[in-house]
Structure formats: structure tokens, C-alpha cells
Amino acid sequence: MQEQRIDLGEVSLNVVSTGPSDGPLVLLLHGFPQHGASWWRQIGAFADAGYRVWAPDQRGYNTSAKPTELTAYHLDRLAADVVGLIDAAGCARAHVIGHDWGGGVAWWTAIRHASRVDKLGILNMPHPRVLVERHIRFHLHRCWYFYFFLLPRVPEMLLARDDGRALVESIRGTGNAGAFTAADLEGMRLAATQPGALTGMINWYRAVMRLRLDLRDSRVHVPTLIIWGARDRFISRAMADASLALCDNGRLEFLEAATHWVHSEEPERVNALLGEFLGGDSVPRQPT
């Protein structure tokens, strides 16, 4: 794997990349509070299967650009980053796979820029219409932190305690045993303690709560695979079913023992499902 800086004009993003330069492009979009390299269980496996893999630190995260204005984190701008990455790779289209907020960006890219997406892979993130109209509105017990993050400065102060270890501790117990290695947790801590990173990361939540999202004509027409850890403590499995109903050509796979961090807990199964879906042989097991 190597890291490269991609200038998209409005922002520049740090991108972890590997795989053959002539392979089909796969973009892996991380969520909160992870970063591009958090996909390490998938990155090498897809590269070994012949894919060209790019896993960016999305705007606001790690060493990527961190705009200060809230409008910079609207889903329209985040999806434009994905299109910019596809252009920067010299490709017309890409397979786009996202987890958590990365899944939200992947959904929106497929909705607003369908001609640039070959296939869409979603891991534990509802369709934006389901997120806004059902999850945030009616599941306060699960998504209370969306409202907490609306507070100015306080969330950053709390999560930054003990040099970012407070953030790590808030995440550590949300998955199954073994969901995160020590290196995973340290990587999240280091990424979050980059100057301005916590505000950039939290601004994703502030933006979706404060900025209008045009949800008209938001059906998904590209082939879609939704993989869902059924023991997700943040988002109910009903959100997965509701999201599937908004796909013209979709498939939903529940992994009953997995939590929100499905790609970390069951990488062999996730890699196999995604590899089969993308049209080749199942992605091989990621070496330890």
C-alpha cells in the first residue's frame, strides 16, 4: 500500500492505494471515527483479486483537508469528492463501497451520479431518506449522539480528553470482542488528534441535522448490495429493509452475529460477499 495526496480543487484528500493500475477501480469510504487505512482487512484482499483500490481519508478526517464552513460537509459536496476521485484515477466509473458515514456518501453518489457508479456496496448505513425521515426522527434512543453533536465545542472537548483516548474508549465497547486491534484503536486516536480533525468529523453530523437534503427522486438504480451486522446497537435492522425497498436492483445480507463494525468482525464473509457481487471470484482471505 502507498499513500498519495489527491488534489480535487476544493479540497485535497489523503488516499491509501494499491492494486494493479489497470484493474477495475474500487473506492472504499470509511465512516466515523475511522479513516482510509481502517479498511486494511479489505484493501489487500481486493488488490490481490485484481482490483485497483483507493481508500481515502474523507474530508475532515486524519490528514485530509478540513474545511471550516458547515456547508462543506453537505452530502452533495461529499459525493462530489467521490466523483473527483474517480476523475483523478482516470476512470469513467468505479465500484463504490461505504461503511457508516462512508455508506451515506456512497448512497448519495449512486443517487446523484449514477453514471459514475458501476456497483454500490453498503455496510451498516441506511439510505439517506431512511436515515433522515425514519432513523433520526423516530429512534432517539439509538441516535441521541446526533443531537449531542449539535452542541458547539463540547463534543470536541470531551472526545479529545487524554489525548484522544476518550474517543477510543467511547468506541471500544460498541463491537464484539476482537472487533478492533490495538493498532486499529491507536490509528483512530492518531487520526482524530490531527489539528481540526474532531471538528471536521463531527461536522458531518451537524451538516445532516442542519442543512436541507433534497430527498426527491432518491431511488437507487445501480446494482446494490447491503451487508448488515444485525447486532448494530446504533441502527436497527428495520432500517436495512427500508433501504432495500428504495433500490431497483438490490440485495440484502444480514450477518446475524456481527455488530455495526461488520467489516472488521467478519472480514472473510464480507470480502467474499463483496467479491462475488462485484462480478469476479470471491475475494480471498486477508492474510494476518
C-alpha atoms as a PDB file:
ATOM      1  CA  MET A   1       0.000   0.000   0.000  1.00  0.00           C
ATOM      2  CA  GLN A   2       1.063   3.563  -0.590  1.00  0.00           C
ATOM      3  CA  GLU A   3      -0.345   6.949   0.355  1.00  0.00           C
ATOM      4  CA  GLN A   4      -0.855   9.756  -2.117  1.00  0.00           C
ATOM      5  CA  ARG A   5      -2.317  13.235  -1.982  1.00  0.00           C
ATOM      6  CA  ILE A   6      -5.132  13.856  -4.455  1.00  0.00           C
ATOM      7  CA  ASP A   7      -5.992  17.493  -5.223  1.00  0.00           C
ATOM      8  CA  LEU A   8      -9.693  17.827  -6.048  1.00  0.00           C
ATOM      9  CA  GLY A   9      -9.665  21.600  -6.333  1.00  0.00           C
ATOM     10  CA  GLU A  10     -11.931  22.440  -3.409  1.00  0.00           C
ATOM     11  CA  VAL A  11     -10.111  20.018  -1.097  1.00  0.00           C
ATOM     12  CA  SER A  12      -7.167  17.663  -1.173  1.00  0.00           C
ATOM     13  CA  LEU A  13      -7.509  14.167   0.247  1.00  0.00           C
ATOM     14  CA  ASN A  14      -5.020  11.648   1.541  1.00  0.00           C
ATOM     15  CA  VAL A  15      -5.632   8.311  -0.212  1.00  0.00           C
ATOM     16  CA  VAL A  16      -4.334   4.847   0.606  1.00  0.00           C
ATOM     17  CA  SER A  17      -3.960   2.997  -2.689  1.00  0.00           C
ATOM     18  CA  THR A  18      -2.791  -0.329  -4.021  1.00  0.00           C
ATOM     19  CA  GLY A  19      -3.547  -2.901  -6.703  1.00  0.00           C
ATOM     20  CA  PRO A  20      -2.881  -3.043 -10.452  1.00  0.00           C
ATOM     21  CA  SER A  21      -3.185   0.302 -12.231  1.00  0.00           C
ATOM     22  CA  ASP A  22      -5.315  -1.272 -14.967  1.00  0.00           C
ATOM     23  CA  GLY A  23      -7.689  -3.079 -12.596  1.00  0.00           C
ATOM     24  CA  PRO A  24     -11.311  -2.024 -12.034  1.00  0.00           C
ATOM     25  CA  LEU A  25     -11.389   0.848  -9.549  1.00  0.00           C
ATOM     26  CA  VAL A  26     -12.852   0.175  -6.101  1.00  0.00           C
ATOM     27  CA  LEU A  27     -13.364   3.109  -3.728  1.00  0.00           C
ATOM     28  CA  LEU A  28     -13.646   2.252  -0.021  1.00  0.00           C
ATOM     29  CA  LEU A  29     -15.294   5.003   2.013  1.00  0.00           C
ATOM     30  CA  HIS A  30     -14.869   4.915   5.784  1.00  0.00           C
ATOM     31  CA  GLY A  31     -17.172   6.251   8.476  1.00  0.00           C
ATOM     32  CA  PHE A  32     -16.869   7.776  11.950  1.00  0.00           C
ATOM     33  CA  PRO A  33     -14.372   7.694  13.605  1.00  0.00           C
ATOM     34  CA  GLN A  34     -12.225   5.652  11.224  1.00  0.00           C
ATOM     35  CA  HIS A  35     -10.023   6.602   8.269  1.00  0.00           C
ATOM     36  CA  GLY A  36      -8.903   5.148   4.943  1.00  0.00           C
ATOM     37  CA  ALA A  37      -6.422   2.635   6.328  1.00  0.00           C
ATOM     38  CA  SER A  38      -9.149   1.225   8.609  1.00  0.00           C
ATOM     39  CA  TRP A  39     -10.159  -0.845   5.581  1.00  0.00           C
ATOM     40  CA  TRP A  40      -6.907  -2.864   5.826  1.00  0.00           C
ATOM     41  CA  ARG A  41      -8.833  -6.138   6.052  1.00  0.00           C
ATOM     42  CA  GLN A  42     -10.327  -5.386   2.630  1.00  0.00           C
ATOM     43  CA  ILE A  43      -7.638  -3.308   0.871  1.00  0.00           C
ATOM     44  CA  GLY A  44      -5.043  -6.022   0.351  1.00  0.00           C
ATOM     45  CA  ALA A  45      -7.623  -8.677  -0.363  1.00  0.00           C
ATOM     46  CA  PHE A  46      -9.226  -6.699  -3.180  1.00  0.00           C
ATOM     47  CA  ALA A  47      -5.850  -5.754  -4.626  1.00  0.00           C
ATOM     48  CA  ASP A  48      -4.852  -9.430  -4.672  1.00  0.00           C
ATOM     49  CA  ALA A  49      -8.080 -10.137  -6.573  1.00  0.00           C
ATOM     50  CA  GLY A  50      -7.031  -7.699  -9.320  1.00  0.00           C
ATOM     51  CA  TYR A  51      -8.809  -4.530  -8.279  1.00  0.00           C
ATOM     52  CA  ARG A  52      -7.271  -1.075  -8.139  1.00  0.00           C
ATOM     53  CA  VAL A  53      -8.163   0.069  -4.626  1.00  0.00           C
ATOM     54  CA  TRP A  54      -8.380   3.626  -3.323  1.00  0.00           C
ATOM     55  CA  ALA A  55      -9.341   4.236   0.310  1.00  0.00           C
ATOM     56  CA  PRO A  56      -9.418   7.986   1.015  1.00  0.00           C
ATOM     57  CA  ASP A  57      -9.383   9.804   4.304  1.00  0.00           C
ATOM     58  CA  GLN A  58     -12.567  11.723   3.614  1.00  0.00           C
ATOM     59  CA  ARG A  59     -12.700  15.485   4.095  1.00  0.00           C
ATOM     60  CA  GLY A  60     -12.485  16.466   7.742  1.00  0.00           C
ATOM     61  CA  TYR A  61     -10.580  13.294   8.667  1.00  0.00           C
ATOM     62  CA  ASN A  62      -6.979  12.468   9.522  1.00  0.00           C
ATOM     63  CA  THR A  63      -4.605  14.444   7.281  1.00  0.00           C
ATOM     64  CA  SER A  64      -7.124  15.316   4.551  1.00  0.00           C
ATOM     65  CA  ALA A  65      -8.360  18.893   4.163  1.00  0.00           C
ATOM     66  CA  LYS A  66     -10.718  20.120   6.872  1.00  0.00           C
ATOM     67  CA  PRO A  67     -12.927  22.961   5.640  1.00  0.00           C
ATOM     68  CA  THR A  68     -14.316  25.075   8.449  1.00  0.00           C
ATOM     69  CA  GLU A  69     -17.704  26.008   6.988  1.00  0.00           C
ATOM     70  CA  LEU A  70     -20.553  23.615   7.758  1.00  0.00           C
ATOM     71  CA  THR A  71     -21.848  23.656   4.180  1.00  0.00           C
ATOM     72  CA  ALA A  72     -18.621  21.923   3.110  1.00  0.00           C
ATOM     73  CA  TYR A  73     -19.979  18.734   4.709  1.00  0.00           C
ATOM     74  CA  HIS A  74     -23.272  18.590   2.838  1.00  0.00           C
ATOM     75  CA  LEU A  75     -23.760  15.231   1.134  1.00  0.00           C
ATOM     76  CA  ASP A  76     -23.713  16.945  -2.254  1.00  0.00           C
ATOM     77  CA  ARG A  77     -20.142  18.121  -1.625  1.00  0.00           C
ATOM     78  CA  LEU A  78     -19.053  14.795  -0.169  1.00  0.00           C
ATOM     79  CA  ALA A  79     -20.411  12.904  -3.180  1.00  0.00           C
ATOM     80  CA  ALA A  80     -18.615  15.384  -5.440  1.00  0.00           C
ATOM     81  CA  ASP A  81     -15.377  14.301  -3.747  1.00  0.00           C
ATOM     82  CA  VAL A  82     -16.076  10.729  -4.858  1.00  0.00           C
ATOM     83  CA  VAL A  83     -16.639  11.840  -8.435  1.00  0.00           C
ATOM     84  CA  GLY A  84     -13.425  13.845  -8.209  1.00  0.00           C
ATOM     85  CA  LEU A  85     -11.513  10.780  -7.060  1.00  0.00           C
ATOM     86  CA  ILE A  86     -12.878   8.748  -9.976  1.00  0.00           C
ATOM     87  CA  ASP A  87     -11.756  11.508 -12.331  1.00  0.00           C
ATOM     88  CA  ALA A  88      -8.345  11.718 -10.666  1.00  0.00           C
ATOM     89  CA  ALA A  89      -7.898   7.982 -11.162  1.00  0.00           C
ATOM     90  CA  GLY A  90      -8.561   8.490 -14.877  1.00  0.00           C
ATOM     91  CA  CYS A  91     -11.668   6.323 -14.766  1.00  0.00           C
ATOM     92  CA  ALA A  92     -15.189   6.780 -16.060  1.00  0.00           C
ATOM     93  CA  ARG A  93     -16.772   4.645 -13.340  1.00  0.00           C
ATOM     94  CA  ALA A  94     -15.938   2.841 -10.116  1.00  0.00           C
ATOM     95  CA  HIS A  95     -17.337   0.343  -7.680  1.00  0.00           C
ATOM     96  CA  VAL A  96     -18.185   2.377  -4.568  1.00  0.00           C
ATOM     97  CA  ILE A  97     -18.303   0.703  -1.165  1.00  0.00           C
ATOM     98  CA  GLY A  98     -19.006   2.530   2.073  1.00  0.00           C
ATOM     99  CA  HIS A  99     -19.483   1.860   5.772  1.00  0.00           C
ATOM    100  CA  ASP A 100     -21.278   4.106   8.270  1.00  0.00           C
ATOM    101  CA  TRP A 101     -20.996   7.726   7.005  1.00  0.00           C
ATOM    102  CA  GLY A 102     -18.960   6.416   4.098  1.00  0.00           C
ATOM    103  CA  GLY A 103     -22.053   4.415   3.250  1.00  0.00           C
ATOM    104  CA  GLY A 104     -24.101   7.612   3.315  1.00  0.00           C
ATOM    105  CA  VAL A 105     -21.725   9.187   0.802  1.00  0.00           C
ATOM    106  CA  ALA A 106     -21.790   6.022  -1.309  1.00  0.00           C
ATOM    107  CA  TRP A 107     -25.605   6.030  -1.353  1.00  0.00           C
ATOM    108  CA  TRP A 108     -25.696   9.695  -2.364  1.00  0.00           C
ATOM    109  CA  THR A 109     -23.077   9.259  -5.073  1.00  0.00           C
ATOM    110  CA  ALA A 110     -25.125   6.440  -6.611  1.00  0.00           C
ATOM    111  CA  ILE A 111     -28.284   8.555  -6.397  1.00  0.00           C
ATOM    112  CA  ARG A 112     -26.881  11.808  -7.799  1.00  0.00           C
ATOM    113  CA  HIS A 113     -24.098  10.458 -10.043  1.00  0.00           C
ATOM    114  CA  ALA A 114     -25.400   7.065 -11.127  1.00  0.00           C
ATOM    115  CA  SER A 115     -23.462   7.133 -14.385  1.00  0.00           C
ATOM    116  CA  ARG A 116     -20.197   7.113 -12.414  1.00  0.00           C
ATOM    117  CA  VAL A 117     -21.001   4.082 -10.224  1.00  0.00           C
ATOM    118  CA  ASP A 118     -20.743   0.522 -11.515  1.00  0.00           C
ATOM    119  CA  LYS A 119     -21.927  -1.221  -8.354  1.00  0.00           C
ATOM    120  CA  LEU A 120     -22.768   0.013  -4.887  1.00  0.00           C
ATOM    121  CA  GLY A 121     -21.785  -1.761  -1.660  1.00  0.00           C
ATOM    122  CA  ILE A 122     -23.248  -0.582   1.649  1.00  0.00           C
ATOM    123  CA  LEU A 123     -22.231  -1.722   5.125  1.00  0.00           C
ATOM    124  CA  ASN A 124     -24.490  -0.756   8.046  1.00  0.00           C
ATOM    125  CA  MET A 125     -25.742   2.587   6.813  1.00  0.00           C
ATOM    126  CA  PRO A 126     -29.358   3.310   5.852  1.00  0.00           C
ATOM    127  CA  HIS A 127     -30.377   5.062   2.656  1.00  0.00           C
ATOM    128  CA  PRO A 128     -30.339   8.852   3.285  1.00  0.00           C
ATOM    129  CA  ARG A 129     -34.134   9.046   3.069  1.00  0.00           C
ATOM    130  CA  VAL A 130     -34.446   6.345   5.711  1.00  0.00           C
ATOM    131  CA  LEU A 131     -31.759   7.997   7.838  1.00  0.00           C
ATOM    132  CA  VAL A 132     -33.431  11.408   7.827  1.00  0.00           C
ATOM    133  CA  GLU A 133     -37.112  10.517   7.762  1.00  0.00           C
ATOM    134  CA  ARG A 134     -37.120   7.448   9.994  1.00  0.00           C
ATOM    135  CA  HIS A 135     -33.928   6.888  11.949  1.00  0.00           C
ATOM    136  CA  ILE A 136     -33.107  10.386  13.210  1.00  0.00           C
ATOM    137  CA  ARG A 137     -36.737  11.377  13.686  1.00  0.00           C
ATOM    138  CA  PHE A 138     -38.088   8.306  15.451  1.00  0.00           C
ATOM    139  CA  HIS A 139     -35.137   6.492  17.039  1.00  0.00           C
ATOM    140  CA  LEU A 140     -33.812   8.993  19.557  1.00  0.00           C
ATOM    141  CA  HIS A 141     -32.730   6.207  21.914  1.00  0.00           C
ATOM    142  CA  ARG A 142     -30.347   4.941  19.236  1.00  0.00           C
ATOM    143  CA  CYS A 143     -29.164   8.192  17.660  1.00  0.00           C
ATOM    144  CA  TRP A 144     -29.094  10.584  20.644  1.00  0.00           C
ATOM    145  CA  TYR A 145     -25.492  11.440  19.770  1.00  0.00           C
ATOM    146  CA  PHE A 146     -26.686  13.165  16.562  1.00  0.00           C
ATOM    147  CA  TYR A 147     -28.294  15.761  18.822  1.00  0.00           C
ATOM    148  CA  PHE A 148     -25.379  15.860  21.258  1.00  0.00           C
ATOM    149  CA  PHE A 149     -23.019  16.658  18.371  1.00  0.00           C
ATOM    150  CA  LEU A 150     -25.073  19.778  17.591  1.00  0.00           C
ATOM    151  CA  LEU A 151     -23.558  21.425  20.665  1.00  0.00           C
ATOM    152  CA  PRO A 152     -20.684  23.783  19.848  1.00  0.00           C
ATOM    153  CA  ARG A 153     -17.213  22.767  21.070  1.00  0.00           C
ATOM    154  CA  VAL A 154     -18.420  20.497  23.893  1.00  0.00           C
ATOM    155  CA  PRO A 155     -18.275  17.197  21.931  1.00  0.00           C
ATOM    156  CA  GLU A 156     -14.775  18.014  20.705  1.00  0.00           C
ATOM    157  CA  MET A 157     -13.608  18.819  24.239  1.00  0.00           C
ATOM    158  CA  LEU A 158     -14.985  15.582  25.656  1.00  0.00           C
ATOM    159  CA  LEU A 159     -13.676  13.302  22.913  1.00  0.00           C
ATOM    160  CA  ALA A 160     -10.251  14.958  22.937  1.00  0.00           C
ATOM    161  CA  ARG A 161      -9.619  14.160  26.598  1.00  0.00           C
ATOM    162  CA  ASP A 162      -6.492  12.189  27.428  1.00  0.00           C
ATOM    163  CA  ASP A 163      -5.005  12.896  24.002  1.00  0.00           C
ATOM    164  CA  GLY A 164      -7.952  11.376  22.135  1.00  0.00           C
ATOM    165  CA  ARG A 165      -8.236   8.259  24.260  1.00  0.00           C
ATOM    166  CA  ALA A 166     -11.732   9.320  25.338  1.00  0.00           C
ATOM    167  CA  LEU A 167     -12.854   8.869  21.727  1.00  0.00           C
ATOM    168  CA  VAL A 168     -11.245   5.433  21.595  1.00  0.00           C
ATOM    169  CA  GLU A 169     -12.937   4.382  24.825  1.00  0.00           C
ATOM    170  CA  SER A 170     -16.325   5.536  23.504  1.00  0.00           C
ATOM    171  CA  ILE A 171     -15.927   3.152  20.552  1.00  0.00           C
ATOM    172  CA  ARG A 172     -14.098   0.199  22.101  1.00  0.00           C
ATOM    173  CA  GLY A 173     -17.145  -1.467  23.651  1.00  0.00           C
ATOM    174  CA  THR A 174     -19.578  -0.999  20.764  1.00  0.00           C
ATOM    175  CA  GLY A 175     -18.464  -4.078  18.845  1.00  0.00           C
ATOM    176  CA  ASN A 176     -17.833  -7.740  19.516  1.00  0.00           C
ATOM    177  CA  ALA A 177     -14.657  -8.867  21.232  1.00  0.00           C
ATOM    178  CA  GLY A 178     -11.845  -8.601  18.725  1.00  0.00           C
ATOM    179  CA  ALA A 179     -13.603  -6.060  16.512  1.00  0.00           C
ATOM    180  CA  PHE A 180     -10.655  -3.712  16.871  1.00  0.00           C
ATOM    181  CA  THR A 181      -6.978  -4.488  17.183  1.00  0.00           C
ATOM    182  CA  ALA A 182      -4.758  -2.290  19.320  1.00  0.00           C
ATOM    183  CA  ALA A 183      -3.430  -0.842  16.073  1.00  0.00           C
ATOM    184  CA  ASP A 184      -6.986  -0.062  14.896  1.00  0.00           C
ATOM    185  CA  LEU A 185      -7.709   1.898  18.067  1.00  0.00           C
ATOM    186  CA  GLU A 186      -4.386   3.711  18.037  1.00  0.00           C
ATOM    187  CA  GLY A 187      -4.920   4.607  14.372  1.00  0.00           C
ATOM    188  CA  MET A 188      -8.303   6.144  15.210  1.00  0.00           C
ATOM    189  CA  ARG A 189      -6.759   8.093  18.087  1.00  0.00           C
ATOM    190  CA  LEU A 190      -3.930   9.467  15.979  1.00  0.00           C
ATOM    191  CA  ALA A 191      -6.270  10.391  13.128  1.00  0.00           C
ATOM    192  CA  ALA A 192      -8.684  12.170  15.463  1.00  0.00           C
ATOM    193  CA  THR A 193      -5.929  14.199  17.135  1.00  0.00           C
ATOM    194  CA  GLN A 194      -4.777  15.777  13.874  1.00  0.00           C
ATOM    195  CA  PRO A 195      -5.360  19.553  14.057  1.00  0.00           C
ATOM    196  CA  GLY A 196      -9.012  20.319  13.374  1.00  0.00           C
ATOM    197  CA  ALA A 197      -9.959  16.690  12.821  1.00  0.00           C
ATOM    198  CA  LEU A 198     -12.507  16.253  15.614  1.00  0.00           C
ATOM    199  CA  THR A 199     -14.459  19.294  14.463  1.00  0.00           C
ATOM    200  CA  GLY A 200     -14.291  18.127  10.861  1.00  0.00           C
ATOM    201  CA  MET A 201     -15.514  14.659  11.809  1.00  0.00           C
ATOM    202  CA  ILE A 202     -18.364  15.938  13.969  1.00  0.00           C
ATOM    203  CA  ASN A 203     -19.387  18.469  11.315  1.00  0.00           C
ATOM    204  CA  TRP A 204     -20.681  15.558   9.220  1.00  0.00           C
ATOM    205  CA  TYR A 205     -23.387  15.073  11.871  1.00  0.00           C
ATOM    206  CA  ARG A 206     -24.038  18.789  12.224  1.00  0.00           C
ATOM    207  CA  ALA A 207     -24.462  19.145   8.488  1.00  0.00           C
ATOM    208  CA  VAL A 208     -27.045  16.392   8.109  1.00  0.00           C
ATOM    209  CA  MET A 209     -29.009  17.816  11.044  1.00  0.00           C
ATOM    210  CA  ARG A 210     -28.894  21.466   9.970  1.00  0.00           C
ATOM    211  CA  LEU A 211     -28.670  21.531   6.184  1.00  0.00           C
ATOM    212  CA  ARG A 212     -31.547  20.635   3.902  1.00  0.00           C
ATOM    213  CA  LEU A 213     -31.150  17.469   1.853  1.00  0.00           C
ATOM    214  CA  ASP A 214     -33.281  17.158  -1.286  1.00  0.00           C
ATOM    215  CA  LEU A 215     -34.664  13.647  -0.977  1.00  0.00           C
ATOM    216  CA  ARG A 216     -36.912  13.778  -4.021  1.00  0.00           C
ATOM    217  CA  ASP A 217     -36.158  11.225  -6.714  1.00  0.00           C
ATOM    218  CA  SER A 218     -33.781   9.332  -4.436  1.00  0.00           C
ATOM    219  CA  ARG A 219     -34.313   5.797  -5.671  1.00  0.00           C
ATOM    220  CA  VAL A 220     -31.148   3.834  -6.394  1.00  0.00           C
ATOM    221  CA  HIS A 221     -30.903   2.419  -9.890  1.00  0.00           C
ATOM    222  CA  VAL A 222     -27.403   0.900  -9.831  1.00  0.00           C
ATOM    223  CA  PRO A 223     -26.922  -2.698  -8.598  1.00  0.00           C
ATOM    224  CA  THR A 224     -26.661  -2.592  -4.805  1.00  0.00           C
ATOM    225  CA  LEU A 225     -25.519  -4.999  -2.108  1.00  0.00           C
ATOM    226  CA  ILE A 226     -26.340  -4.122   1.509  1.00  0.00           C
ATOM    227  CA  ILE A 227     -24.399  -6.053   4.154  1.00  0.00           C
ATOM    228  CA  TRP A 228     -25.735  -5.544   7.653  1.00  0.00           C
ATOM    229  CA  GLY A 229     -24.398  -6.598  11.031  1.00  0.00           C
ATOM    230  CA  ALA A 230     -27.691  -7.458  12.733  1.00  0.00           C
ATOM    231  CA  ARG A 231     -26.444  -6.657  16.246  1.00  0.00           C
ATOM    232  CA  ASP A 232     -25.827  -2.997  15.402  1.00  0.00           C
ATOM    233  CA  ARG A 233     -26.584  -1.014  18.552  1.00  0.00           C
ATOM    234  CA  PHE A 234     -26.884   2.258  16.638  1.00  0.00           C
ATOM    235  CA  ILE A 235     -29.178   1.396  13.709  1.00  0.00           C
ATOM    236  CA  SER A 236     -31.988  -1.181  13.720  1.00  0.00           C
ATOM    237  CA  ARG A 237     -32.244  -3.910  11.112  1.00  0.00           C
ATOM    238  CA  ALA A 238     -35.580  -2.447  10.032  1.00  0.00           C
ATOM    239  CA  MET A 239     -33.580   0.411   8.522  1.00  0.00           C
ATOM    240  CA  ALA A 240     -31.828  -2.108   6.273  1.00  0.00           C
ATOM    241  CA  ASP A 241     -35.123  -3.490   4.992  1.00  0.00           C
ATOM    242  CA  ALA A 242     -36.468   0.021   4.397  1.00  0.00           C
ATOM    243  CA  SER A 243     -33.304   0.915   2.481  1.00  0.00           C
ATOM    244  CA  LEU A 244     -33.551  -2.156   0.280  1.00  0.00           C
ATOM    245  CA  ALA A 245     -37.068  -1.098  -0.695  1.00  0.00           C
ATOM    246  CA  LEU A 246     -35.576   2.034  -2.300  1.00  0.00           C
ATOM    247  CA  CYS A 247     -33.291   0.018  -4.604  1.00  0.00           C
ATOM    248  CA  ASP A 248     -34.350  -1.108  -8.083  1.00  0.00           C
ATOM    249  CA  ASN A 249     -31.787  -3.909  -8.115  1.00  0.00           C
ATOM    250  CA  GLY A 250     -30.769  -4.633  -4.552  1.00  0.00           C
ATOM    251  CA  ARG A 251     -29.821  -7.497  -2.301  1.00  0.00           C
ATOM    252  CA  LEU A 252     -29.613  -7.547   1.487  1.00  0.00           C
ATOM    253  CA  GLU A 253     -27.417  -9.876   3.529  1.00  0.00           C
ATOM    254  CA  PHE A 254     -27.719  -9.956   7.317  1.00  0.00           C
ATOM    255  CA  LEU A 255     -24.739 -11.209   9.313  1.00  0.00           C
ATOM    256  CA  GLU A 256     -26.556 -12.176  12.461  1.00  0.00           C
ATOM    257  CA  ALA A 257     -23.590 -12.288  14.853  1.00  0.00           C
ATOM    258  CA  ALA A 258     -21.950  -9.060  13.681  1.00  0.00           C
ATOM    259  CA  THR A 259     -22.382  -5.534  15.035  1.00  0.00           C
ATOM    260  CA  HIS A 260     -22.020  -2.124  13.392  1.00  0.00           C
ATOM    261  CA  TRP A 261     -18.364  -2.969  12.664  1.00  0.00           C
ATOM    262  CA  VAL A 262     -19.231  -5.846  10.357  1.00  0.00           C
ATOM    263  CA  HIS A 263     -16.219  -5.451   8.040  1.00  0.00           C
ATOM    264  CA  SER A 264     -13.839  -5.715  10.997  1.00  0.00           C
ATOM    265  CA  GLU A 265     -15.600  -8.575  12.764  1.00  0.00           C
ATOM    266  CA  GLU A 266     -16.338 -10.833   9.795  1.00  0.00           C
ATOM    267  CA  PRO A 267     -13.902  -9.744   7.071  1.00  0.00           C
ATOM    268  CA  GLU A 268     -13.773 -13.130   5.329  1.00  0.00           C
ATOM    269  CA  ARG A 269     -17.537 -13.235   4.879  1.00  0.00           C
ATOM    270  CA  VAL A 270     -17.782  -9.554   3.944  1.00  0.00           C
ATOM    271  CA  ASN A 271     -14.935  -9.854   1.435  1.00  0.00           C
ATOM    272  CA  ALA A 272     -16.477 -12.950  -0.112  1.00  0.00           C
ATOM    273  CA  LEU A 273     -19.906 -11.334  -0.467  1.00  0.00           C
ATOM    274  CA  LEU A 274     -18.467  -8.174  -1.978  1.00  0.00           C
ATOM    275  CA  GLY A 275     -16.127 -10.082  -4.271  1.00  0.00           C
ATOM    276  CA  GLU A 276     -18.956 -12.227  -5.609  1.00  0.00           C
ATOM    277  CA  PHE A 277     -21.140  -9.154  -6.041  1.00  0.00           C
ATOM    278  CA  LEU A 278     -18.550  -7.183  -7.971  1.00  0.00           C
ATOM    279  CA  GLY A 279     -18.508  -9.902 -10.567  1.00  0.00           C
ATOM    280  CA  GLY A 280     -15.317 -11.848 -10.018  1.00  0.00           C
ATOM    281  CA  ASP A 281     -14.339 -14.739  -7.845  1.00  0.00           C
ATOM    282  CA  SER A 282     -14.790 -14.359  -4.116  1.00  0.00           C
ATOM    283  CA  VAL A 283     -12.145 -12.119  -2.629  1.00  0.00           C
ATOM    284  CA  PRO A 284      -9.508 -14.296  -0.929  1.00  0.00           C
ATOM    285  CA  ARG A 285      -8.897 -14.343   2.759  1.00  0.00           C
ATOM    286  CA  GLN A 286      -6.914 -11.353   4.018  1.00  0.00           C
ATOM    287  CA  PRO A 287      -3.548 -12.555   5.397  1.00  0.00           C
ATOM    288  CA  THR A 288      -2.993 -11.855   9.091  1.00  0.00           C
END
